[in-house]
Amino acid sequence: MKQITIVAKDHPGLMADISELMLKAGVNIESLDAEQVGARAAIVMTVDRYDTALQALRSAHFQAVTEDAILVKLEDHPGALAAIARRFKDAGINLRSIRSLSRDAGTSIVAISTERTKEAMELVKDVLIS
């Protein structure tokens, strides 16, 4: 899975600008996380038409970067995420981002972005969603 991270100066209407840009490009936003960090905003999203979204963002002069994220399916109970995070720590693999995408019927789907995707996939192959 690919995810897009946008770093922009925060202002009223930023999310309207980005979501309307995706509308005009015919792109459906599948997941979205937005955080204000001082005077800036960090937005991470997944979309149904990745290349089109990236082109639209760059054409509108948004600073957008991309990265691979792996999807894992975890049991939804205290400690499940800690156990996965511990695997990465023990392997010396830095986690760039972790996002919970959904929770349903005792399980949760989590997107993980690391500095070493192939090694990360091997590390969590028992819970990896292919």
N, C-alpha and C. Protein backbone atom coordinates (compact mmCIF):
# COMPACT_ATOMS: atom_id res chain seq x y z
N MET A 1 0.84 -1.16 0.00
CA MET A 1 0.00 0.00 0.00
C MET A 1 0.90 1.23 0.00
N LYS A 2 0.49 2.23 -0.75
CA LYS A 2 1.20 3.50 -0.76
C LYS A 2 0.41 4.51 0.05
N GLN A 3 1.11 5.39 0.72
CA GLN A 3 0.44 6.49 1.40
C GLN A 3 1.11 7.79 1.00
N ILE A 4 0.35 8.85 1.07
CA ILE A 4 0.84 10.18 0.69
C ILE A 4 0.87 11.02 1.95
N THR A 5 2.00 11.70 2.17
CA THR A 5 2.12 12.62 3.29
C THR A 5 2.29 14.03 2.72
N ILE A 6 1.45 14.93 3.22
CA ILE A 6 1.49 16.33 2.79
C ILE A 6 1.91 17.16 4.00
N VAL A 7 2.89 18.02 3.81
CA VAL A 7 3.29 18.96 4.85
C VAL A 7 3.01 20.35 4.29
N ALA A 8 2.20 21.12 5.01
CA ALA A 8 1.79 22.43 4.51
C ALA A 8 1.66 23.42 5.66
N LYS A 9 1.71 24.69 5.31
CA LYS A 9 1.43 25.73 6.29
C LYS A 9 -0.04 25.58 6.68
N ASP A 10 -0.31 25.51 7.98
CA ASP A 10 -1.69 25.34 8.43
C ASP A 10 -2.45 26.65 8.27
N HIS A 11 -3.68 26.52 7.82
CA HIS A 11 -4.57 27.68 7.69
C HIS A 11 -6.01 27.20 7.63
N PRO A 12 -6.95 28.07 7.99
CA PRO A 12 -8.36 27.69 7.88
C PRO A 12 -8.68 27.31 6.43
N GLY A 13 -9.28 26.16 6.25
CA GLY A 13 -9.65 25.72 4.91
C GLY A 13 -8.66 24.79 4.24
N LEU A 14 -7.56 24.46 4.93
CA LEU A 14 -6.57 23.58 4.32
C LEU A 14 -7.18 22.24 3.91
N MET A 15 -7.96 21.63 4.80
CA MET A 15 -8.57 20.33 4.47
C MET A 15 -9.61 20.49 3.36
N ALA A 16 -10.30 21.61 3.32
CA ALA A 16 -11.24 21.88 2.23
C ALA A 16 -10.47 21.96 0.91
N ASP A 17 -9.33 22.66 0.92
CA ASP A 17 -8.53 22.79 -0.29
C ASP A 17 -8.07 21.42 -0.80
N ILE A 18 -7.57 20.60 0.10
CA ILE A 18 -7.05 19.29 -0.31
C ILE A 18 -8.18 18.37 -0.76
N SER A 19 -9.26 18.31 0.00
CA SER A 19 -10.36 17.41 -0.38
C SER A 19 -11.04 17.86 -1.67
N GLU A 20 -11.17 19.16 -1.89
CA GLU A 20 -11.75 19.65 -3.14
C GLU A 20 -10.82 19.38 -4.32
N LEU A 21 -9.52 19.45 -4.08
CA LEU A 21 -8.55 19.11 -5.11
C LEU A 21 -8.70 17.64 -5.52
N MET A 22 -8.89 16.77 -4.53
CA MET A 22 -9.09 15.35 -4.84
C MET A 22 -10.41 15.15 -5.59
N LEU A 23 -11.45 15.88 -5.20
CA LEU A 23 -12.73 15.81 -5.90
C LEU A 23 -12.56 16.17 -7.37
N LYS A 24 -11.90 17.28 -7.64
CA LYS A 24 -11.71 17.73 -9.02
C LYS A 24 -10.89 16.74 -9.83
N ALA A 25 -9.98 16.02 -9.18
CA ALA A 25 -9.15 15.03 -9.86
C ALA A 25 -9.85 13.68 -9.98
N GLY A 26 -11.03 13.55 -9.36
CA GLY A 26 -11.76 12.28 -9.41
C GLY A 26 -11.15 11.21 -8.53
N VAL A 27 -10.52 11.64 -7.44
CA VAL A 27 -9.83 10.72 -6.53
C VAL A 27 -10.65 10.56 -5.25
N ASN A 28 -10.85 9.32 -4.84
CA ASN A 28 -11.54 9.03 -3.59
C ASN A 28 -10.52 8.86 -2.47
N ILE A 29 -10.69 9.61 -1.38
CA ILE A 29 -9.82 9.48 -0.22
C ILE A 29 -10.31 8.28 0.60
N GLU A 30 -9.42 7.31 0.82
CA GLU A 30 -9.79 6.10 1.54
C GLU A 30 -9.50 6.20 3.04
N SER A 31 -8.41 6.86 3.40
CA SER A 31 -8.12 7.11 4.81
C SER A 31 -7.40 8.45 4.90
N LEU A 32 -7.57 9.09 6.06
CA LEU A 32 -7.02 10.43 6.22
C LEU A 32 -6.71 10.68 7.69
N ASP A 33 -5.51 11.16 7.95
CA ASP A 33 -5.10 11.61 9.28
C ASP A 33 -4.49 12.98 9.11
N ALA A 34 -4.90 13.93 9.91
CA ALA A 34 -4.35 15.28 9.83
C ALA A 34 -4.01 15.76 11.24
N GLU A 35 -2.85 16.36 11.36
CA GLU A 35 -2.38 16.88 12.65
C GLU A 35 -1.78 18.25 12.45
N GLN A 36 -2.05 19.13 13.39
CA GLN A 36 -1.40 20.44 13.40
C GLN A 36 -0.14 20.32 14.24
N VAL A 37 0.96 20.81 13.70
CA VAL A 37 2.24 20.80 14.40
C VAL A 37 2.77 22.24 14.34
N GLY A 38 2.48 23.00 15.37
CA GLY A 38 2.84 24.41 15.35
C GLY A 38 2.08 25.13 14.26
N ALA A 39 2.80 25.81 13.38
CA ALA A 39 2.17 26.54 12.28
C ALA A 39 2.02 25.69 11.04
N ARG A 40 2.37 24.41 11.12
CA ARG A 40 2.30 23.51 9.96
C ARG A 40 1.29 22.41 10.22
N ALA A 41 0.91 21.76 9.15
CA ALA A 41 0.01 20.62 9.23
C ALA A 41 0.68 19.43 8.54
N ALA A 42 0.47 18.26 9.09
CA ALA A 42 0.94 17.02 8.47
C ALA A 42 -0.29 16.17 8.19
N ILE A 43 -0.50 15.85 6.93
CA ILE A 43 -1.67 15.08 6.51
C ILE A 43 -1.18 13.80 5.85
N VAL A 44 -1.69 12.67 6.31
CA VAL A 44 -1.34 11.38 5.71
C VAL A 44 -2.63 10.78 5.19
N MET A 45 -2.60 10.35 3.91
CA MET A 45 -3.81 9.78 3.34
C MET A 45 -3.49 8.66 2.37
N THR A 46 -4.48 7.79 2.22
CA THR A 46 -4.45 6.79 1.16
C THR A 46 -5.63 7.09 0.26
N VAL A 47 -5.46 6.77 -1.01
CA VAL A 47 -6.46 7.11 -2.02
C VAL A 47 -6.64 5.96 -2.99
N ASP A 48 -7.72 6.03 -3.77
CA ASP A 48 -7.96 4.96 -4.74
C ASP A 48 -7.16 5.14 -6.03
N ARG A 49 -6.75 6.36 -6.35
CA ARG A 49 -5.98 6.64 -7.57
C ARG A 49 -4.73 7.41 -7.17
N TYR A 50 -3.75 6.66 -6.74
CA TYR A 50 -2.53 7.20 -6.14
C TYR A 50 -1.80 8.18 -7.06
N ASP A 51 -1.47 7.77 -8.28
CA ASP A 51 -0.70 8.62 -9.18
C ASP A 51 -1.45 9.90 -9.53
N THR A 52 -2.74 9.79 -9.74
CA THR A 52 -3.55 10.97 -10.06
C THR A 52 -3.57 11.94 -8.89
N ALA A 53 -3.70 11.42 -7.68
CA ALA A 53 -3.70 12.27 -6.49
C ALA A 53 -2.38 12.99 -6.33
N LEU A 54 -1.30 12.27 -6.48
CA LEU A 54 0.02 12.85 -6.33
C LEU A 54 0.26 13.94 -7.37
N GLN A 55 -0.14 13.68 -8.59
CA GLN A 55 0.01 14.68 -9.65
C GLN A 55 -0.82 15.93 -9.35
N ALA A 56 -2.05 15.75 -8.89
CA ALA A 56 -2.91 16.90 -8.57
C ALA A 56 -2.32 17.72 -7.43
N LEU A 57 -1.82 17.05 -6.39
CA LEU A 57 -1.22 17.76 -5.26
C LEU A 57 0.01 18.55 -5.69
N ARG A 58 0.86 17.93 -6.46
CA ARG A 58 2.08 18.61 -6.89
C ARG A 58 1.76 19.76 -7.84
N SER A 59 0.75 19.59 -8.70
CA SER A 59 0.34 20.66 -9.61
C SER A 59 -0.19 21.86 -8.83
N ALA A 60 -0.77 21.61 -7.68
CA ALA A 60 -1.29 22.69 -6.83
C ALA A 60 -0.22 23.20 -5.85
N HIS A 61 1.02 22.75 -6.04
CA HIS A 61 2.18 23.20 -5.26
C HIS A 61 2.15 22.76 -3.80
N PHE A 62 1.49 21.62 -3.53
CA PHE A 62 1.58 21.04 -2.19
C PHE A 62 2.85 20.22 -2.11
N GLN A 63 3.52 20.28 -0.97
CA GLN A 63 4.69 19.47 -0.72
C GLN A 63 4.18 18.09 -0.29
N ALA A 64 4.27 17.13 -1.21
CA ALA A 64 3.74 15.79 -0.95
C ALA A 64 4.83 14.76 -1.19
N VAL A 65 4.97 13.84 -0.25
CA VAL A 65 5.93 12.74 -0.38
C VAL A 65 5.17 11.43 -0.25
N THR A 66 5.77 10.40 -0.75
CA THR A 66 5.12 9.10 -0.72
C THR A 66 6.00 8.08 -0.03
N GLU A 67 5.35 7.06 0.48
CA GLU A 67 6.08 5.94 1.06
C GLU A 67 5.19 4.71 1.08
N ASP A 68 5.85 3.57 1.13
CA ASP A 68 5.13 2.31 1.23
C ASP A 68 4.70 2.10 2.67
N ALA A 69 3.56 1.49 2.82
CA ALA A 69 3.08 1.08 4.14
C ALA A 69 2.65 -0.37 4.03
N ILE A 70 2.92 -1.13 5.07
CA ILE A 70 2.47 -2.52 5.09
C ILE A 70 1.23 -2.61 5.99
N LEU A 71 0.35 -3.52 5.65
CA LEU A 71 -0.87 -3.70 6.42
C LEU A 71 -0.78 -4.99 7.22
N VAL A 72 -1.13 -4.88 8.50
CA VAL A 72 -1.17 -6.06 9.36
C VAL A 72 -2.54 -6.15 10.02
N LYS A 73 -2.92 -7.38 10.32
CA LYS A 73 -4.19 -7.64 11.00
C LYS A 73 -3.85 -8.17 12.39
N LEU A 74 -4.28 -7.42 13.41
CA LEU A 74 -3.95 -7.76 14.80
C LEU A 74 -5.21 -8.10 15.57
N GLU A 75 -5.07 -8.94 16.57
CA GLU A 75 -6.16 -9.16 17.50
C GLU A 75 -6.37 -7.85 18.26
N ASP A 76 -7.61 -7.49 18.48
CA ASP A 76 -7.93 -6.21 19.12
C ASP A 76 -8.03 -6.41 20.63
N HIS A 77 -6.86 -6.36 21.27
CA HIS A 77 -6.81 -6.47 22.73
C HIS A 77 -5.59 -5.70 23.24
N PRO A 78 -5.60 -5.31 24.51
CA PRO A 78 -4.46 -4.59 25.05
C PRO A 78 -3.16 -5.37 24.86
N GLY A 79 -2.15 -4.69 24.36
CA GLY A 79 -0.85 -5.30 24.19
C GLY A 79 -0.53 -5.80 22.80
N ALA A 80 -1.53 -5.91 21.92
CA ALA A 80 -1.28 -6.42 20.57
C ALA A 80 -0.35 -5.50 19.79
N LEU A 81 -0.61 -4.21 19.84
CA LEU A 81 0.25 -3.26 19.15
C LEU A 81 1.64 -3.20 19.80
N ALA A 82 1.69 -3.28 21.12
CA ALA A 82 2.97 -3.27 21.83
C ALA A 82 3.84 -4.44 21.39
N ALA A 83 3.24 -5.60 21.19
CA ALA A 83 4.00 -6.78 20.78
C ALA A 83 4.59 -6.60 19.38
N ILE A 84 3.83 -6.00 18.48
CA ILE A 84 4.34 -5.75 17.13
C ILE A 84 5.43 -4.68 17.18
N ALA A 85 5.20 -3.61 17.92
CA ALA A 85 6.20 -2.55 18.03
C ALA A 85 7.50 -3.09 18.62
N ARG A 86 7.40 -4.01 19.56
CA ARG A 86 8.57 -4.63 20.18
C ARG A 86 9.38 -5.39 19.13
N ARG A 87 8.71 -6.06 18.19
CA ARG A 87 9.44 -6.78 17.14
C ARG A 87 10.34 -5.82 16.36
N PHE A 88 9.78 -4.66 16.03
CA PHE A 88 10.56 -3.68 15.28
C PHE A 88 11.72 -3.13 16.12
N LYS A 89 11.46 -2.87 17.37
CA LYS A 89 12.52 -2.38 18.25
C LYS A 89 13.65 -3.39 18.34
N ASP A 90 13.30 -4.65 18.59
CA ASP A 90 14.30 -5.70 18.73
C ASP A 90 15.10 -5.90 17.44
N ALA A 91 14.47 -5.66 16.29
CA ALA A 91 15.15 -5.82 14.99
C ALA A 91 15.91 -4.55 14.59
N GLY A 92 15.76 -3.48 15.37
CA GLY A 92 16.45 -2.24 15.06
C GLY A 92 15.87 -1.52 13.85
N ILE A 93 14.57 -1.70 13.61
CA ILE A 93 13.91 -1.05 12.48
C ILE A 93 13.06 0.12 13.00
N ASN A 94 13.36 1.31 12.52
CA ASN A 94 12.64 2.51 12.92
C ASN A 94 11.25 2.54 12.31
N LEU A 95 10.26 2.90 13.11
CA LEU A 95 8.89 3.05 12.61
C LEU A 95 8.67 4.51 12.25
N ARG A 96 8.33 4.77 11.00
CA ARG A 96 8.04 6.14 10.57
C ARG A 96 6.62 6.54 10.97
N SER A 97 5.69 5.60 10.76
CA SER A 97 4.31 5.90 11.15
C SER A 97 3.55 4.60 11.40
N ILE A 98 2.56 4.71 12.28
CA ILE A 98 1.63 3.62 12.55
C ILE A 98 0.24 4.25 12.57
N ARG A 99 -0.66 3.69 11.79
CA ARG A 99 -2.03 4.22 11.77
C ARG A 99 -3.02 3.07 11.87
N SER A 100 -3.92 3.20 12.79
CA SER A 100 -5.00 2.23 12.89
C SER A 100 -6.04 2.60 11.83
N LEU A 101 -6.33 1.67 10.93
CA LEU A 101 -7.26 1.96 9.84
C LEU A 101 -8.68 1.52 10.15
N SER A 102 -8.81 0.39 10.86
CA SER A 102 -10.16 -0.08 11.18
C SER A 102 -10.11 -1.06 12.35
N ARG A 103 -11.26 -1.18 13.01
CA ARG A 103 -11.44 -2.15 14.10
C ARG A 103 -12.80 -2.80 13.88
N ASP A 104 -12.81 -4.14 13.92
CA ASP A 104 -14.06 -4.84 13.69
C ASP A 104 -13.95 -6.29 14.16
N ALA A 105 -14.95 -6.75 14.87
CA ALA A 105 -15.08 -8.15 15.27
C ALA A 105 -13.81 -8.72 15.91
N GLY A 106 -13.22 -7.97 16.83
CA GLY A 106 -12.08 -8.48 17.58
C GLY A 106 -10.75 -8.36 16.88
N THR A 107 -10.71 -7.70 15.72
CA THR A 107 -9.44 -7.49 15.03
C THR A 107 -9.30 -6.03 14.64
N SER A 108 -8.07 -5.63 14.39
CA SER A 108 -7.81 -4.28 13.88
C SER A 108 -6.83 -4.37 12.73
N ILE A 109 -7.00 -3.47 11.76
CA ILE A 109 -6.09 -3.37 10.62
C ILE A 109 -5.22 -2.14 10.87
N VAL A 110 -3.90 -2.34 10.78
CA VAL A 110 -2.95 -1.28 11.09
C VAL A 110 -1.99 -1.12 9.91
N ALA A 111 -1.74 0.13 9.51
CA ALA A 111 -0.76 0.44 8.47
C ALA A 111 0.53 0.87 9.15
N ILE A 112 1.64 0.28 8.73
CA ILE A 112 2.94 0.56 9.32
C ILE A 112 3.91 0.98 8.22
N SER A 113 4.57 2.08 8.43
CA SER A 113 5.59 2.56 7.50
C SER A 113 6.93 2.53 8.22
N THR A 114 7.92 1.95 7.56
CA THR A 114 9.24 1.82 8.16
C THR A 114 10.31 2.30 7.20
N GLU A 115 11.52 2.32 7.69
CA GLU A 115 12.64 2.68 6.83
C GLU A 115 13.12 1.50 6.00
N ARG A 116 12.69 0.28 6.34
CA ARG A 116 13.13 -0.93 5.63
C ARG A 116 11.93 -1.85 5.39
N THR A 117 11.18 -1.56 4.35
CA THR A 117 9.90 -2.24 4.09
C THR A 117 10.05 -3.74 3.93
N LYS A 118 10.99 -4.20 3.13
CA LYS A 118 11.13 -5.65 2.88
C LYS A 118 11.43 -6.41 4.17
N GLU A 119 12.33 -5.89 4.98
CA GLU A 119 12.64 -6.53 6.25
C GLU A 119 11.44 -6.49 7.18
N ALA A 120 10.71 -5.39 7.15
CA ALA A 120 9.52 -5.26 8.00
C ALA A 120 8.47 -6.30 7.62
N MET A 121 8.28 -6.51 6.32
CA MET A 121 7.30 -7.49 5.88
C MET A 121 7.66 -8.89 6.37
N GLU A 122 8.92 -9.22 6.33
CA GLU A 122 9.37 -10.52 6.83
C GLU A 122 9.15 -10.62 8.34
N LEU A 123 9.37 -9.54 9.03
CA LEU A 123 9.25 -9.50 10.49
C LEU A 123 7.82 -9.76 10.95
N VAL A 124 6.84 -9.32 10.16
CA VAL A 124 5.42 -9.47 10.56
C VAL A 124 4.64 -10.38 9.62
N LYS A 125 5.33 -11.30 8.96
CA LYS A 125 4.68 -12.15 7.96
C LYS A 125 3.52 -12.96 8.53
N ASP A 126 3.53 -13.24 9.82
CA ASP A 126 2.45 -14.01 10.41
C ASP A 126 1.15 -13.21 10.56
N VAL A 127 1.22 -11.89 10.48
CA VAL A 127 0.02 -11.04 10.60
C VAL A 127 -0.15 -10.12 9.38
N LEU A 128 0.70 -10.30 8.39
CA LEU A 128 0.70 -9.45 7.19
C LEU A 128 -0.52 -9.71 6.34
N ILE A 129 -1.11 -8.64 5.86
CA ILE A 129 -2.22 -8.75 4.91
C ILE A 129 -1.59 -8.57 3.53
N SER A 130 -1.74 -9.57 2.69
CA SER A 130 -1.09 -9.49 1.36
C SER A 130 -1.96 -8.79 0.36
